[in-house]
Amino acid sequence: EELSIPGQGSRARWQLNRYVYSAGGGGAFTLRLFERAFRIKPSVEWVQVEQDFIGVTRRALKLRSPSGRTDLTAFREIELTKVKTKSFDGIGAGLELEVDTTRLGPIQSSIYATGRAYRLLGTLDQTLTASNEFGETATWNFEPERWLFRAGVGFRFRWLPEAD
């Protein structure tokens, strides 16, 4: 059996936090085709995202030659971790396409597809550094994408009472 210390290496991870705040405004243009109302809704959009930058390095440092096959006391484990959370704002454009499907009394149903593109503002690149009491240091560099994209489809129900 060979002496081994599993789980060594370095990892840099970026993750988007759970909540994303956004707002937008624009117009709605309606046209009738095939006896249905189609709406095209272009918009200007804003988004705020919070991102976590996480750096972890684990390795074993040999202090002396091991005396046996399973003697791990000859090693000291190094674990360096750094986490930084940063918010970014972005601006962009959106487009929604909607078509009316069925009307049941005062309720109008429709289906829609939407897409949005945001360009994040400011300096996105991040560098994290962590050190321990022995002066050992790890550095992680992050270069996040400047563009964020969102897309969705759905059903909409509107209350439209008949006009007298």
N, C-alpha and C. Protein backbone atom coordinates (compact mmCIF):
# COMPACT_ATOMS: atom_id res chain seq x y z
N GLU A 1 0.84 -1.18 0.00
CA GLU A 1 0.00 0.00 0.00
C GLU A 1 0.88 1.24 0.00
N GLU A 2 0.59 2.15 -0.90
CA GLU A 2 1.40 3.35 -1.05
C GLU A 2 0.85 4.47 -0.18
N LEU A 3 1.73 5.26 0.39
CA LEU A 3 1.37 6.40 1.21
C LEU A 3 0.77 7.49 0.30
N SER A 4 -0.44 7.96 0.63
CA SER A 4 -1.06 9.01 -0.18
C SER A 4 -1.90 9.92 0.71
N ILE A 5 -2.01 11.15 0.28
CA ILE A 5 -2.83 12.14 0.98
C ILE A 5 -3.81 12.68 -0.06
N PRO A 6 -5.07 12.22 -0.02
CA PRO A 6 -6.04 12.64 -1.04
C PRO A 6 -6.57 14.06 -0.78
N GLY A 7 -7.21 14.61 -1.79
CA GLY A 7 -7.89 15.89 -1.66
C GLY A 7 -6.99 17.10 -1.79
N GLN A 8 -5.88 16.97 -2.45
CA GLN A 8 -4.98 18.10 -2.61
C GLN A 8 -5.29 18.85 -3.91
N GLY A 9 -5.05 20.15 -3.89
CA GLY A 9 -5.24 20.94 -5.10
C GLY A 9 -5.71 22.33 -4.77
N SER A 10 -6.02 23.06 -5.81
CA SER A 10 -6.50 24.42 -5.66
C SER A 10 -7.76 24.59 -6.50
N ARG A 11 -8.70 25.35 -5.97
CA ARG A 11 -9.95 25.55 -6.69
C ARG A 11 -10.39 27.01 -6.54
N ALA A 12 -10.76 27.60 -7.64
CA ALA A 12 -11.33 28.94 -7.66
C ALA A 12 -12.76 28.80 -8.18
N ARG A 13 -13.71 29.27 -7.40
CA ARG A 13 -15.12 29.10 -7.77
C ARG A 13 -15.85 30.43 -7.69
N TRP A 14 -16.69 30.67 -8.67
CA TRP A 14 -17.52 31.86 -8.73
C TRP A 14 -18.96 31.40 -8.73
N GLN A 15 -19.80 32.05 -7.92
CA GLN A 15 -21.22 31.68 -7.94
C GLN A 15 -22.08 32.91 -7.76
N LEU A 16 -23.21 32.87 -8.42
CA LEU A 16 -24.20 33.93 -8.33
C LEU A 16 -25.05 33.66 -7.10
N ASN A 17 -25.27 34.69 -6.28
CA ASN A 17 -26.10 34.51 -5.09
C ASN A 17 -27.55 34.30 -5.47
N ARG A 18 -28.33 33.87 -4.50
CA ARG A 18 -29.71 33.45 -4.72
C ARG A 18 -30.60 34.57 -5.27
N TYR A 19 -30.46 35.78 -4.76
CA TYR A 19 -31.38 36.85 -5.16
C TYR A 19 -30.76 37.76 -6.22
N VAL A 20 -31.55 38.04 -7.25
CA VAL A 20 -31.17 38.95 -8.32
C VAL A 20 -32.27 39.99 -8.41
N TYR A 21 -31.91 41.26 -8.37
CA TYR A 21 -32.89 42.34 -8.43
C TYR A 21 -32.82 42.97 -9.81
N SER A 22 -34.00 43.21 -10.38
CA SER A 22 -34.02 43.82 -11.70
C SER A 22 -35.28 44.65 -11.88
N ALA A 23 -35.21 45.57 -12.82
CA ALA A 23 -36.34 46.41 -13.18
C ALA A 23 -36.18 46.79 -14.64
N GLY A 24 -37.29 47.13 -15.25
CA GLY A 24 -37.24 47.53 -16.65
C GLY A 24 -38.47 48.32 -17.02
N GLY A 25 -38.40 48.98 -18.14
CA GLY A 25 -39.53 49.72 -18.64
C GLY A 25 -39.44 49.83 -20.15
N GLY A 26 -40.60 49.88 -20.77
CA GLY A 26 -40.62 49.98 -22.22
C GLY A 26 -42.03 50.13 -22.73
N GLY A 27 -42.22 49.84 -23.99
CA GLY A 27 -43.52 49.98 -24.62
C GLY A 27 -44.06 48.64 -25.08
N ALA A 28 -45.32 48.67 -25.46
CA ALA A 28 -45.98 47.48 -26.00
C ALA A 28 -46.64 47.86 -27.32
N PHE A 29 -46.32 47.11 -28.35
CA PHE A 29 -46.88 47.35 -29.67
C PHE A 29 -47.73 46.15 -30.05
N THR A 30 -49.01 46.40 -30.33
CA THR A 30 -49.95 45.32 -30.63
C THR A 30 -50.29 45.33 -32.11
N LEU A 31 -50.32 44.12 -32.68
CA LEU A 31 -50.81 43.96 -34.05
C LEU A 31 -51.68 42.71 -34.11
N ARG A 32 -52.60 42.72 -35.04
CA ARG A 32 -53.52 41.59 -35.18
C ARG A 32 -53.16 40.80 -36.43
N LEU A 33 -52.96 39.50 -36.22
CA LEU A 33 -52.70 38.57 -37.31
C LEU A 33 -53.50 37.30 -37.04
N PHE A 34 -54.10 36.77 -38.08
CA PHE A 34 -54.86 35.52 -37.96
C PHE A 34 -55.89 35.58 -36.83
N GLU A 35 -56.52 36.73 -36.68
CA GLU A 35 -57.55 36.98 -35.68
C GLU A 35 -57.04 36.83 -34.25
N ARG A 36 -55.77 37.07 -34.06
CA ARG A 36 -55.16 37.03 -32.72
C ARG A 36 -54.37 38.32 -32.51
N ALA A 37 -54.28 38.72 -31.23
CA ALA A 37 -53.47 39.89 -30.87
C ALA A 37 -52.06 39.42 -30.53
N PHE A 38 -51.10 40.02 -31.21
CA PHE A 38 -49.68 39.78 -30.94
C PHE A 38 -49.10 41.06 -30.34
N ARG A 39 -48.30 40.93 -29.30
CA ARG A 39 -47.67 42.09 -28.70
C ARG A 39 -46.14 41.91 -28.71
N ILE A 40 -45.47 42.98 -29.11
CA ILE A 40 -44.02 43.04 -29.08
C ILE A 40 -43.67 44.11 -28.04
N LYS A 41 -42.85 43.72 -27.06
CA LYS A 41 -42.56 44.62 -25.94
C LYS A 41 -41.05 44.80 -25.76
N PRO A 42 -40.45 45.79 -26.43
CA PRO A 42 -39.03 46.09 -26.17
C PRO A 42 -38.90 46.88 -24.87
N SER A 43 -37.76 46.73 -24.19
CA SER A 43 -37.59 47.43 -22.92
C SER A 43 -36.12 47.74 -22.65
N VAL A 44 -35.92 48.67 -21.75
CA VAL A 44 -34.60 49.00 -21.21
C VAL A 44 -34.57 48.37 -19.81
N GLU A 45 -33.46 47.69 -19.48
CA GLU A 45 -33.41 46.89 -18.26
C GLU A 45 -32.23 47.28 -17.36
N TRP A 46 -32.41 47.06 -16.06
CA TRP A 46 -31.37 47.20 -15.04
C TRP A 46 -31.35 45.93 -14.20
N VAL A 47 -30.18 45.51 -13.77
CA VAL A 47 -30.07 44.33 -12.91
C VAL A 47 -28.99 44.59 -11.86
N GLN A 48 -29.18 44.01 -10.68
CA GLN A 48 -28.14 44.00 -9.66
C GLN A 48 -27.95 42.57 -9.20
N VAL A 49 -26.71 42.09 -9.30
CA VAL A 49 -26.39 40.73 -8.90
C VAL A 49 -25.30 40.77 -7.84
N GLU A 50 -25.37 39.81 -6.94
CA GLU A 50 -24.33 39.66 -5.94
C GLU A 50 -23.61 38.36 -6.23
N GLN A 51 -22.29 38.42 -6.27
CA GLN A 51 -21.51 37.25 -6.64
C GLN A 51 -20.53 36.91 -5.53
N ASP A 52 -20.35 35.61 -5.31
CA ASP A 52 -19.35 35.12 -4.36
C ASP A 52 -18.14 34.63 -5.14
N PHE A 53 -16.97 35.05 -4.69
CA PHE A 53 -15.71 34.56 -5.23
C PHE A 53 -15.07 33.73 -4.12
N ILE A 54 -14.78 32.47 -4.41
CA ILE A 54 -14.30 31.54 -3.39
C ILE A 54 -13.01 30.89 -3.88
N GLY A 55 -11.97 30.99 -3.07
CA GLY A 55 -10.70 30.34 -3.39
C GLY A 55 -10.33 29.37 -2.28
N VAL A 56 -9.95 28.15 -2.64
CA VAL A 56 -9.55 27.12 -1.66
C VAL A 56 -8.31 26.42 -2.19
N THR A 57 -7.30 26.29 -1.34
CA THR A 57 -6.11 25.52 -1.67
C THR A 57 -5.84 24.56 -0.52
N ARG A 58 -5.66 23.29 -0.86
CA ARG A 58 -5.31 22.25 0.13
C ARG A 58 -4.12 21.48 -0.40
N ARG A 59 -3.14 21.30 0.46
CA ARG A 59 -2.02 20.45 0.08
C ARG A 59 -1.29 20.01 1.33
N ALA A 60 -0.45 19.02 1.17
CA ALA A 60 0.35 18.49 2.28
C ALA A 60 1.80 18.88 2.05
N LEU A 61 2.43 19.34 3.10
CA LEU A 61 3.83 19.75 3.04
C LEU A 61 4.65 18.72 3.83
N LYS A 62 5.64 18.16 3.17
CA LYS A 62 6.47 17.13 3.82
C LYS A 62 7.47 17.80 4.75
N LEU A 63 7.43 17.43 6.03
CA LEU A 63 8.34 17.99 7.02
C LEU A 63 9.62 17.16 7.13
N ARG A 64 9.48 15.85 6.98
CA ARG A 64 10.62 14.93 7.04
C ARG A 64 10.24 13.68 6.27
N SER A 65 11.17 12.80 6.02
CA SER A 65 10.87 11.55 5.31
C SER A 65 10.02 10.65 6.20
N PRO A 66 8.93 10.11 5.64
CA PRO A 66 8.07 9.23 6.43
C PRO A 66 8.84 7.99 6.88
N SER A 67 8.51 7.52 8.10
CA SER A 67 9.20 6.34 8.63
C SER A 67 8.54 5.05 8.19
N GLY A 68 7.32 5.10 7.71
CA GLY A 68 6.62 3.89 7.27
C GLY A 68 5.64 4.21 6.16
N ARG A 69 4.97 3.16 5.69
CA ARG A 69 4.03 3.33 4.58
C ARG A 69 2.80 4.16 4.96
N THR A 70 2.41 4.12 6.20
CA THR A 70 1.20 4.83 6.63
C THR A 70 1.49 5.92 7.63
N ASP A 71 2.71 6.41 7.68
CA ASP A 71 3.10 7.45 8.63
C ASP A 71 2.83 8.83 8.02
N LEU A 72 1.65 9.40 8.34
CA LEU A 72 1.30 10.72 7.81
C LEU A 72 1.71 11.83 8.77
N THR A 73 2.33 11.48 9.90
CA THR A 73 2.78 12.52 10.84
C THR A 73 3.96 13.30 10.28
N ALA A 74 4.56 12.82 9.21
CA ALA A 74 5.68 13.52 8.58
C ALA A 74 5.21 14.66 7.69
N PHE A 75 3.89 14.87 7.60
CA PHE A 75 3.32 15.90 6.73
C PHE A 75 2.49 16.89 7.55
N ARG A 76 2.48 18.13 7.09
CA ARG A 76 1.61 19.15 7.67
C ARG A 76 0.65 19.60 6.57
N GLU A 77 -0.64 19.65 6.91
CA GLU A 77 -1.64 20.03 5.92
C GLU A 77 -1.76 21.55 5.87
N ILE A 78 -1.80 22.05 4.65
CA ILE A 78 -2.02 23.48 4.41
C ILE A 78 -3.42 23.63 3.83
N GLU A 79 -4.23 24.47 4.44
CA GLU A 79 -5.55 24.77 3.88
C GLU A 79 -5.75 26.28 3.95
N LEU A 80 -5.81 26.90 2.78
CA LEU A 80 -6.00 28.34 2.67
C LEU A 80 -7.33 28.59 1.96
N THR A 81 -8.16 29.44 2.56
CA THR A 81 -9.48 29.73 2.01
C THR A 81 -9.73 31.22 2.09
N LYS A 82 -10.36 31.75 1.06
CA LYS A 82 -10.74 33.17 1.04
C LYS A 82 -12.07 33.28 0.29
N VAL A 83 -13.00 34.06 0.84
CA VAL A 83 -14.30 34.30 0.22
C VAL A 83 -14.54 35.80 0.17
N LYS A 84 -15.01 36.28 -0.97
CA LYS A 84 -15.34 37.69 -1.13
C LYS A 84 -16.68 37.79 -1.85
N THR A 85 -17.56 38.63 -1.33
CA THR A 85 -18.86 38.86 -1.95
C THR A 85 -18.88 40.29 -2.49
N LYS A 86 -19.34 40.43 -3.73
CA LYS A 86 -19.35 41.75 -4.37
C LYS A 86 -20.62 41.89 -5.21
N SER A 87 -21.21 43.09 -5.17
CA SER A 87 -22.40 43.40 -5.98
C SER A 87 -22.00 44.14 -7.25
N PHE A 88 -22.72 43.83 -8.31
CA PHE A 88 -22.49 44.49 -9.59
C PHE A 88 -23.83 44.93 -10.17
N ASP A 89 -23.85 46.10 -10.79
CA ASP A 89 -25.01 46.59 -11.52
C ASP A 89 -24.78 46.37 -13.01
N GLY A 90 -25.89 46.17 -13.72
CA GLY A 90 -25.80 46.00 -15.16
C GLY A 90 -26.99 46.68 -15.84
N ILE A 91 -26.80 47.08 -17.07
CA ILE A 91 -27.88 47.66 -17.87
C ILE A 91 -27.96 46.89 -19.18
N GLY A 92 -29.13 46.93 -19.79
CA GLY A 92 -29.26 46.20 -21.04
C GLY A 92 -30.62 46.40 -21.67
N ALA A 93 -30.98 45.44 -22.50
CA ALA A 93 -32.23 45.51 -23.25
C ALA A 93 -33.00 44.21 -23.09
N GLY A 94 -34.31 44.32 -23.25
CA GLY A 94 -35.16 43.14 -23.18
C GLY A 94 -36.16 43.14 -24.32
N LEU A 95 -36.67 41.97 -24.60
CA LEU A 95 -37.70 41.83 -25.62
C LEU A 95 -38.65 40.71 -25.20
N GLU A 96 -39.95 41.01 -25.24
CA GLU A 96 -40.96 40.01 -24.95
C GLU A 96 -41.91 39.92 -26.13
N LEU A 97 -42.24 38.69 -26.50
CA LEU A 97 -43.22 38.43 -27.56
C LEU A 97 -44.38 37.69 -26.92
N GLU A 98 -45.60 38.20 -27.13
CA GLU A 98 -46.79 37.63 -26.49
C GLU A 98 -47.90 37.47 -27.52
N VAL A 99 -48.65 36.39 -27.40
CA VAL A 99 -49.80 36.18 -28.29
C VAL A 99 -50.99 35.72 -27.44
N ASP A 100 -52.15 36.33 -27.71
CA ASP A 100 -53.37 35.91 -27.02
C ASP A 100 -53.78 34.54 -27.52
N THR A 101 -54.25 33.69 -26.60
CA THR A 101 -54.64 32.33 -26.99
C THR A 101 -56.15 32.13 -26.88
N THR A 102 -56.68 32.14 -25.70
CA THR A 102 -58.10 31.84 -25.50
C THR A 102 -58.72 32.84 -24.55
N ARG A 103 -59.98 33.14 -24.81
CA ARG A 103 -60.73 34.01 -23.89
C ARG A 103 -61.88 33.20 -23.32
N LEU A 104 -61.96 33.18 -21.99
CA LEU A 104 -63.04 32.52 -21.28
C LEU A 104 -63.76 33.57 -20.44
N GLY A 105 -64.84 34.10 -20.98
CA GLY A 105 -65.55 35.18 -20.30
C GLY A 105 -64.66 36.40 -20.19
N PRO A 106 -64.48 36.91 -18.96
CA PRO A 106 -63.64 38.11 -18.78
C PRO A 106 -62.15 37.80 -18.66
N ILE A 107 -61.75 36.54 -18.77
CA ILE A 107 -60.34 36.17 -18.62
C ILE A 107 -59.72 35.88 -19.98
N GLN A 108 -58.67 36.63 -20.28
CA GLN A 108 -57.92 36.45 -21.52
C GLN A 108 -56.60 35.76 -21.17
N SER A 109 -56.30 34.65 -21.84
CA SER A 109 -55.02 33.97 -21.61
C SER A 109 -54.10 34.24 -22.79
N SER A 110 -52.82 34.20 -22.50
CA SER A 110 -51.81 34.38 -23.54
C SER A 110 -50.56 33.61 -23.15
N ILE A 111 -49.72 33.38 -24.15
CA ILE A 111 -48.40 32.79 -23.90
C ILE A 111 -47.36 33.81 -24.31
N TYR A 112 -46.20 33.73 -23.66
CA TYR A 112 -45.15 34.70 -23.99
C TYR A 112 -43.77 34.06 -23.87
N ALA A 113 -42.84 34.68 -24.55
CA ALA A 113 -41.42 34.34 -24.45
C ALA A 113 -40.67 35.65 -24.24
N THR A 114 -39.70 35.62 -23.36
CA THR A 114 -38.97 36.84 -23.03
C THR A 114 -37.48 36.57 -22.98
N GLY A 115 -36.71 37.58 -23.32
CA GLY A 115 -35.25 37.49 -23.23
C GLY A 115 -34.68 38.83 -22.84
N ARG A 116 -33.60 38.78 -22.07
CA ARG A 116 -32.94 39.99 -21.63
C ARG A 116 -31.43 39.79 -21.67
N ALA A 117 -30.72 40.85 -21.99
CA ALA A 117 -29.25 40.83 -22.01
C ALA A 117 -28.78 42.04 -21.20
N TYR A 118 -27.85 41.80 -20.27
CA TYR A 118 -27.32 42.85 -19.41
C TYR A 118 -25.80 42.90 -19.55
N ARG A 119 -25.27 44.11 -19.57
CA ARG A 119 -23.82 44.29 -19.54
C ARG A 119 -23.46 44.80 -18.16
N LEU A 120 -22.64 44.03 -17.43
CA LEU A 120 -22.25 44.43 -16.08
C LEU A 120 -21.27 45.60 -16.15
N LEU A 121 -21.44 46.54 -15.23
CA LEU A 121 -20.64 47.76 -15.21
C LEU A 121 -19.50 47.65 -14.19
N GLY A 122 -18.48 48.44 -14.37
CA GLY A 122 -17.39 48.50 -13.41
C GLY A 122 -16.32 47.46 -13.66
N THR A 123 -15.39 47.37 -12.71
CA THR A 123 -14.30 46.41 -12.78
C THR A 123 -14.77 45.07 -12.25
N LEU A 124 -14.77 44.06 -13.09
CA LEU A 124 -15.25 42.74 -12.69
C LEU A 124 -14.14 41.84 -12.17
N ASP A 125 -12.93 42.00 -12.68
CA ASP A 125 -11.83 41.12 -12.30
C ASP A 125 -11.55 41.24 -10.81
N GLN A 126 -11.38 40.10 -10.16
CA GLN A 126 -11.14 40.05 -8.72
C GLN A 126 -9.92 39.19 -8.45
N THR A 127 -9.13 39.58 -7.45
CA THR A 127 -7.99 38.79 -7.00
C THR A 127 -8.14 38.58 -5.50
N LEU A 128 -8.04 37.33 -5.08
CA LEU A 128 -8.10 36.99 -3.65
C LEU A 128 -6.75 36.43 -3.24
N THR A 129 -6.33 36.75 -2.03
CA THR A 129 -5.08 36.23 -1.48
C THR A 129 -5.32 35.81 -0.04
N ALA A 130 -4.80 34.66 0.32
CA ALA A 130 -4.88 34.17 1.69
C ALA A 130 -3.50 33.70 2.13
N SER A 131 -3.18 33.93 3.40
CA SER A 131 -1.91 33.50 3.97
C SER A 131 -2.16 32.84 5.32
N ASN A 132 -1.22 32.01 5.73
CA ASN A 132 -1.33 31.39 7.06
C ASN A 132 -0.19 31.86 7.95
N GLU A 133 -0.13 31.31 9.16
CA GLU A 133 0.87 31.75 10.13
C GLU A 133 2.30 31.37 9.75
N PHE A 134 2.48 30.46 8.77
CA PHE A 134 3.81 30.06 8.31
C PHE A 134 4.29 30.91 7.13
N GLY A 135 3.49 31.88 6.70
CA GLY A 135 3.86 32.73 5.58
C GLY A 135 3.56 32.13 4.22
N GLU A 136 2.84 31.01 4.20
CA GLU A 136 2.46 30.38 2.92
C GLU A 136 1.25 31.13 2.37
N THR A 137 1.28 31.39 1.08
CA THR A 137 0.27 32.24 0.46
C THR A 137 -0.30 31.57 -0.78
N ALA A 138 -1.60 31.79 -0.99
CA ALA A 138 -2.26 31.36 -2.22
C ALA A 138 -2.99 32.56 -2.81
N THR A 139 -3.00 32.66 -4.13
CA THR A 139 -3.67 33.75 -4.83
C THR A 139 -4.57 33.16 -5.92
N TRP A 140 -5.78 33.67 -6.00
CA TRP A 140 -6.74 33.22 -7.01
C TRP A 140 -7.18 34.44 -7.82
N ASN A 141 -7.27 34.29 -9.12
CA ASN A 141 -7.72 35.37 -10.01
C ASN A 141 -9.03 34.96 -10.68
N PHE A 142 -9.96 35.91 -10.73
CA PHE A 142 -11.26 35.67 -11.34
C PHE A 142 -11.48 36.70 -12.45
N GLU A 143 -11.98 36.24 -13.57
CA GLU A 143 -12.33 37.10 -14.70
C GLU A 143 -13.75 36.76 -15.14
N PRO A 144 -14.77 37.25 -14.42
CA PRO A 144 -16.16 36.91 -14.77
C PRO A 144 -16.57 37.48 -16.12
N GLU A 145 -17.55 36.85 -16.71
CA GLU A 145 -18.11 37.33 -17.98
C GLU A 145 -18.81 38.67 -17.74
N ARG A 146 -18.69 39.56 -18.69
CA ARG A 146 -19.30 40.88 -18.56
C ARG A 146 -20.79 40.85 -18.92
N TRP A 147 -21.23 39.85 -19.68
CA TRP A 147 -22.62 39.80 -20.12
C TRP A 147 -23.40 38.73 -19.36
N LEU A 148 -24.63 39.09 -18.95
CA LEU A 148 -25.58 38.15 -18.35
C LEU A 148 -26.79 38.06 -19.27
N PHE A 149 -27.37 36.87 -19.36
CA PHE A 149 -28.54 36.66 -20.20
C PHE A 149 -29.63 35.95 -19.39
N ARG A 150 -30.86 36.35 -19.64
CA ARG A 150 -32.02 35.71 -19.01
C ARG A 150 -33.04 35.41 -20.09
N ALA A 151 -33.73 34.31 -19.94
CA ALA A 151 -34.78 33.95 -20.89
C ALA A 151 -35.88 33.22 -20.14
N GLY A 152 -37.09 33.29 -20.66
CA GLY A 152 -38.19 32.59 -20.02
C GLY A 152 -39.39 32.49 -20.94
N VAL A 153 -40.26 31.59 -20.60
CA VAL A 153 -41.55 31.43 -21.27
C VAL A 153 -42.61 31.30 -20.18
N GLY A 154 -43.84 31.62 -20.52
CA GLY A 154 -44.89 31.51 -19.52
C GLY A 154 -46.26 31.71 -20.07
N PHE A 155 -47.22 31.59 -19.17
CA PHE A 155 -48.63 31.83 -19.47
C PHE A 155 -49.06 33.04 -18.67
N ARG A 156 -49.95 33.82 -19.25
CA ARG A 156 -50.46 35.01 -18.58
C ARG A 156 -51.98 34.99 -18.66
N PHE A 157 -52.62 35.36 -17.56
CA PHE A 157 -54.07 35.48 -17.50
C PHE A 157 -54.40 36.91 -17.11
N ARG A 158 -55.25 37.57 -17.93
CA ARG A 158 -55.63 38.97 -17.66
C ARG A 158 -57.15 39.05 -17.51
N TRP A 159 -57.56 39.91 -16.58
CA TRP A 159 -58.96 40.18 -16.36
C TRP A 159 -59.36 41.31 -17.31
N LEU A 160 -60.21 41.00 -18.28
CA LEU A 160 -60.66 42.00 -19.27
C LEU A 160 -62.18 41.92 -19.37
N PRO A 161 -62.89 42.63 -18.47
CA PRO A 161 -64.35 42.59 -18.54
C PRO A 161 -64.85 43.21 -19.85
N GLU A 162 -65.96 42.72 -20.30
CA GLU A 162 -66.56 43.23 -21.54
C GLU A 162 -66.98 44.68 -21.36
N ALA A 163 -66.74 45.49 -22.40
CA ALA A 163 -67.19 46.88 -22.38
C ALA A 163 -68.68 46.94 -22.72
N ASP A 164 -69.42 47.80 -22.02
CA ASP A 164 -70.86 47.92 -22.29
C ASP A 164 -71.13 48.71 -23.53
